[in-house]
C-alpha cells in the first residue's frame, strides 16, 4: 500500500505543478496538519482514495472552513483496508491556540480512547502533528513532543508513527525516517510516500 503523507507546507509538486498522474498508484493520503484546507480540498477533487487529516497547531481555520471531501481522524481509529490508523493532532501548549495541549491534556485524550484501542486490539499507524517526547523533537516548548505518544508506541508497537511540525529545514539534524524500537518514525514535512507492507 502506497500512502502519501503531507504536513506543514503545501507541496509545490502537488499544487503549483500538479498533474493528475502524480496521484497514480497512491492508495491513501494522510495530512499531519498545518496545511491550508483549500490545498486538501484541491487534492480531494482529483484523488480517488480517502484523504485523512489531523489538526496542526495553526489549523483554527478548519472550524469554519474544513477541507471538502476529507476525513478527520481526530481522537479515533480509522480502519482502511484492514490498517488501523489512530489520529491525535495538535501541539504542545505554548500560547492560547485551540489545538494545543499540555502533557496532561494529551494523556487524557489517549485515556478516552481505551475502549477503541481494546476493541481494535491496538493500531498500526499513529498519525499526529507533534512529534513524540525525546524522539527527534525540538528543544523549545512549541516543538517539544508528547510523552503520551511514546507510551502508545511502547505499549502497542505500531508499524509507523507519522508526524509533522518539525520542519526539515529547521536544522535540527532532521531525517525523514528514523526508528524507535519496533516503530518506524516518519516526518511528513511537505510530502513523502510510505510503502506500507500489509503482510509484515
Protein backbone atom coordinates (compact mmCIF):
# COMPACT_ATOMS: atom_id res chain seq x y z
CA UNK A 1 0.00 0.00 0.00
CA UNK A 2 1.38 3.40 -1.00
CA UNK A 3 0.49 6.15 1.46
CA UNK A 4 1.15 9.78 0.61
CA UNK A 5 1.77 11.77 3.80
CA UNK A 6 1.73 15.58 3.93
CA UNK A 7 2.41 18.27 6.51
CA UNK A 8 3.23 21.91 7.25
CA UNK A 9 3.84 23.32 3.76
CA UNK A 10 1.76 22.99 0.64
CA UNK A 11 3.92 20.95 -1.70
CA UNK A 12 4.58 22.72 -5.00
CA UNK A 13 4.86 19.27 -6.56
CA UNK A 14 1.22 18.52 -5.72
CA UNK A 15 -0.21 22.03 -6.13
CA UNK A 16 1.73 24.53 -8.26
CA UNK A 17 2.97 21.84 -10.65
CA UNK A 18 0.14 19.38 -10.21
CA UNK A 19 -0.89 16.78 -12.77
CA UNK A 20 -3.39 14.01 -12.12
CA UNK A 21 -0.90 11.27 -12.91
CA UNK A 22 1.13 12.24 -9.83
CA UNK A 23 -1.55 10.52 -7.73
CA UNK A 24 -1.41 7.30 -9.75
CA UNK A 25 -0.66 4.33 -7.51
CA UNK A 26 -1.42 6.21 -4.28
CA UNK A 27 -3.73 4.13 -2.05
CA UNK A 28 -4.27 6.62 0.78
CA UNK A 29 -3.43 10.25 1.62
CA UNK A 30 -2.79 11.45 5.18
CA UNK A 31 -2.30 15.05 6.32
CA UNK A 32 -0.44 15.63 9.59
CA UNK A 33 -1.65 19.21 9.92
CA UNK A 34 -0.85 22.87 9.26
CA UNK A 35 -1.97 22.74 5.66
CA UNK A 36 -4.46 25.10 4.04
CA UNK A 37 -7.89 23.49 3.76
CA UNK A 38 -8.02 24.66 0.14
CA UNK A 39 -4.96 22.52 -0.60
CA UNK A 40 -6.53 19.36 0.78
CA UNK A 41 -9.83 20.16 -0.92
CA UNK A 42 -7.94 20.57 -4.20
CA UNK A 43 -6.33 17.16 -3.82
CA UNK A 44 -9.68 15.64 -2.89
CA UNK A 45 -11.15 16.71 -6.23
CA UNK A 46 -8.61 14.52 -8.05
CA UNK A 47 -7.78 11.75 -5.59
CA UNK A 48 -9.75 8.52 -5.88
CA UNK A 49 -8.72 7.49 -2.37
CA UNK A 50 -9.61 8.78 1.13
CA UNK A 51 -7.77 11.83 2.45
CA UNK A 52 -7.41 11.66 6.23
CA UNK A 53 -6.26 14.51 8.45
CA UNK A 54 -5.48 15.67 11.97
CA UNK A 55 -5.21 19.27 13.13
CA UNK A 56 -1.96 21.18 13.33
CA UNK A 57 -1.41 23.97 15.84
CA UNK A 58 -2.26 26.57 13.15
CA UNK A 59 -5.47 24.96 11.89
CA UNK A 60 -8.09 27.08 13.68
CA UNK A 61 -9.46 27.99 10.25
CA UNK A 62 -10.68 24.39 9.82
CA UNK A 63 -13.53 25.15 12.24
CA UNK A 64 -15.24 27.40 9.70
CA UNK A 65 -13.64 26.08 6.54
CA UNK A 66 -12.89 22.35 6.81
CA UNK A 67 -11.29 20.67 3.78
CA UNK A 68 -14.02 19.38 1.47
CA UNK A 69 -14.07 15.69 0.75
CA UNK A 70 -11.60 14.85 3.52
CA UNK A 71 -12.00 12.86 6.74
CA UNK A 72 -10.94 14.00 10.21
CA UNK A 73 -9.45 11.16 12.26
CA UNK A 74 -9.03 13.20 15.43
CA UNK A 75 -9.40 11.07 18.58
CA UNK A 76 -10.45 7.95 16.68
CA UNK A 77 -9.17 4.83 14.98
CA UNK A 78 -9.96 4.81 11.28
CA UNK A 79 -9.65 1.47 9.52
CA UNK A 80 -8.73 1.39 5.84
CA UNK A 81 -8.25 -1.94 4.07
CA UNK A 82 -7.56 -3.54 7.44
CA UNK A 83 -4.97 -0.94 8.51
CA UNK A 84 -5.83 0.69 11.84
CA UNK A 85 -4.94 4.40 11.87
CA UNK A 86 -5.07 6.42 15.11
CA UNK A 87 -5.23 10.23 14.87
CA UNK A 88 -4.16 12.74 17.55
CA UNK A 89 -3.49 16.25 16.27
CA UNK A 90 -2.22 19.43 17.89
CA UNK A 91 0.99 20.56 19.55
CA UNK A 92 2.30 21.38 22.99
CA UNK A 93 0.54 24.34 24.58
CA UNK A 94 2.74 27.41 24.14
CA UNK A 95 0.03 30.10 23.92
CA UNK A 96 -3.77 30.01 23.82
CA UNK A 97 -4.21 28.25 20.47
CA UNK A 98 -7.19 25.92 20.17
CA UNK A 99 -5.23 22.86 19.05
CA UNK A 100 -2.59 22.99 21.76
CA UNK A 101 -2.33 20.70 24.77
CA UNK A 102 -0.33 20.14 27.91
CA UNK A 103 1.24 16.74 28.52
CA UNK A 104 -1.61 16.02 30.94
CA UNK A 105 -4.29 17.02 28.44
CA UNK A 106 -2.83 14.78 25.72
CA UNK A 107 -2.70 11.84 28.13
CA UNK A 108 -6.37 12.49 28.91
CA UNK A 109 -7.21 12.32 25.19
CA UNK A 110 -5.43 8.99 24.92
CA UNK A 111 -7.22 7.59 28.00
CA UNK A 112 -10.56 8.35 26.38
CA UNK A 113 -9.60 6.00 23.56
CA UNK A 114 -9.15 2.96 25.78
CA UNK A 115 -12.32 1.24 24.58
CA UNK A 116 -11.50 1.80 20.89
CA UNK A 117 -7.94 0.58 21.45
CA UNK A 118 -9.20 -2.52 23.22
CA UNK A 119 -11.85 -3.24 20.59
CA UNK A 120 -9.42 -2.75 17.67
CA UNK A 121 -6.61 -4.54 19.54
CA UNK A 122 -4.28 -1.60 19.11
CA UNK A 123 -3.38 0.23 15.91
CA UNK A 124 -0.92 0.06 13.01
CA UNK A 125 -0.21 3.73 12.26
CA UNK A 126 -0.14 6.63 14.71
CA UNK A 127 -0.83 9.95 12.96
CA UNK A 128 -0.11 13.17 14.85
CA UNK A 129 1.01 16.72 14.23
CA UNK A 130 3.57 16.98 17.02
CA UNK A 131 6.43 14.52 17.48
CA UNK A 132 6.92 12.21 20.45
CA UNK A 133 8.83 13.41 23.51
CA UNK A 134 12.60 12.95 23.15
CA UNK A 135 12.09 11.16 19.85
CA UNK A 136 13.62 13.69 17.47
CA UNK A 137 11.51 16.57 18.79
CA UNK A 138 12.57 20.19 19.34
CA UNK A 139 14.11 21.77 22.41
CA UNK A 140 11.66 24.70 22.63
CA UNK A 141 8.23 24.27 24.21
CA UNK A 142 6.37 24.75 20.91
CA UNK A 143 8.21 21.86 19.25
CA UNK A 144 8.52 19.60 22.27
CA UNK A 145 6.93 16.20 21.74
CA UNK A 146 4.28 14.40 23.76
CA UNK A 147 5.08 11.73 26.33
CA UNK A 148 1.75 10.05 25.58
CA UNK A 149 2.95 9.22 22.06
CA UNK A 150 5.99 7.43 23.47
CA UNK A 151 3.72 5.47 25.79
CA UNK A 152 1.47 4.48 22.86
CA UNK A 153 4.44 3.22 20.87
CA UNK A 154 5.84 1.34 23.86
CA UNK A 155 2.52 -0.38 24.54
CA UNK A 156 1.19 -1.10 21.04
CA UNK A 157 4.33 -1.19 18.83
CA UNK A 158 2.67 0.30 15.71
CA UNK A 159 4.45 -0.18 12.39
CA UNK A 160 4.53 3.56 11.75
CA UNK A 161 4.38 6.83 13.65
CA UNK A 162 3.82 9.69 11.20
CA UNK A 163 4.03 13.32 12.37
CA UNK A 164 4.63 16.85 11.13
CA UNK A 165 5.50 20.08 12.98
CA UNK A 166 9.29 19.59 12.78
CA UNK A 167 10.21 21.27 9.51
CA UNK A 168 13.03 19.57 7.65
CA UNK A 169 14.70 22.96 7.17
CA UNK A 170 14.88 23.74 10.90
CA UNK A 171 18.44 22.44 11.02
CA UNK A 172 17.90 20.10 13.99
CA UNK A 173 19.70 17.14 12.41
CA UNK A 174 16.39 16.10 10.92
CA UNK A 175 15.97 12.91 8.97
CA UNK A 176 12.92 11.80 7.01
CA UNK A 177 12.76 8.37 8.66
CA UNK A 178 14.09 7.02 11.92
CA UNK A 179 13.35 4.01 14.08
CA UNK A 180 12.05 3.92 17.65
CA UNK A 181 12.08 0.33 18.96
CA UNK A 182 9.65 -1.54 16.65
CA UNK A 183 8.18 1.60 15.09
CA UNK A 184 9.35 3.47 12.02
CA UNK A 185 9.05 7.22 12.69
CA UNK A 186 8.34 9.37 9.62
CA UNK A 187 8.43 13.16 9.34
CA UNK A 188 5.68 14.06 6.83
CA UNK A 189 7.03 17.58 6.13
CA UNK A 190 5.99 18.76 2.64
CA UNK A 191 5.28 15.31 1.17
CA UNK A 192 6.58 11.77 1.39
CA UNK A 193 5.42 8.34 0.29
CA UNK A 194 5.35 5.38 2.65
CA UNK A 195 5.43 1.87 1.22
CA UNK A 196 3.27 0.10 3.79
CA UNK A 197 3.68 -3.68 3.69
CA UNK A 198 0.44 -5.18 5.00
CA UNK A 199 2.00 -8.64 5.29
CA UNK A 200 4.67 -7.69 7.84
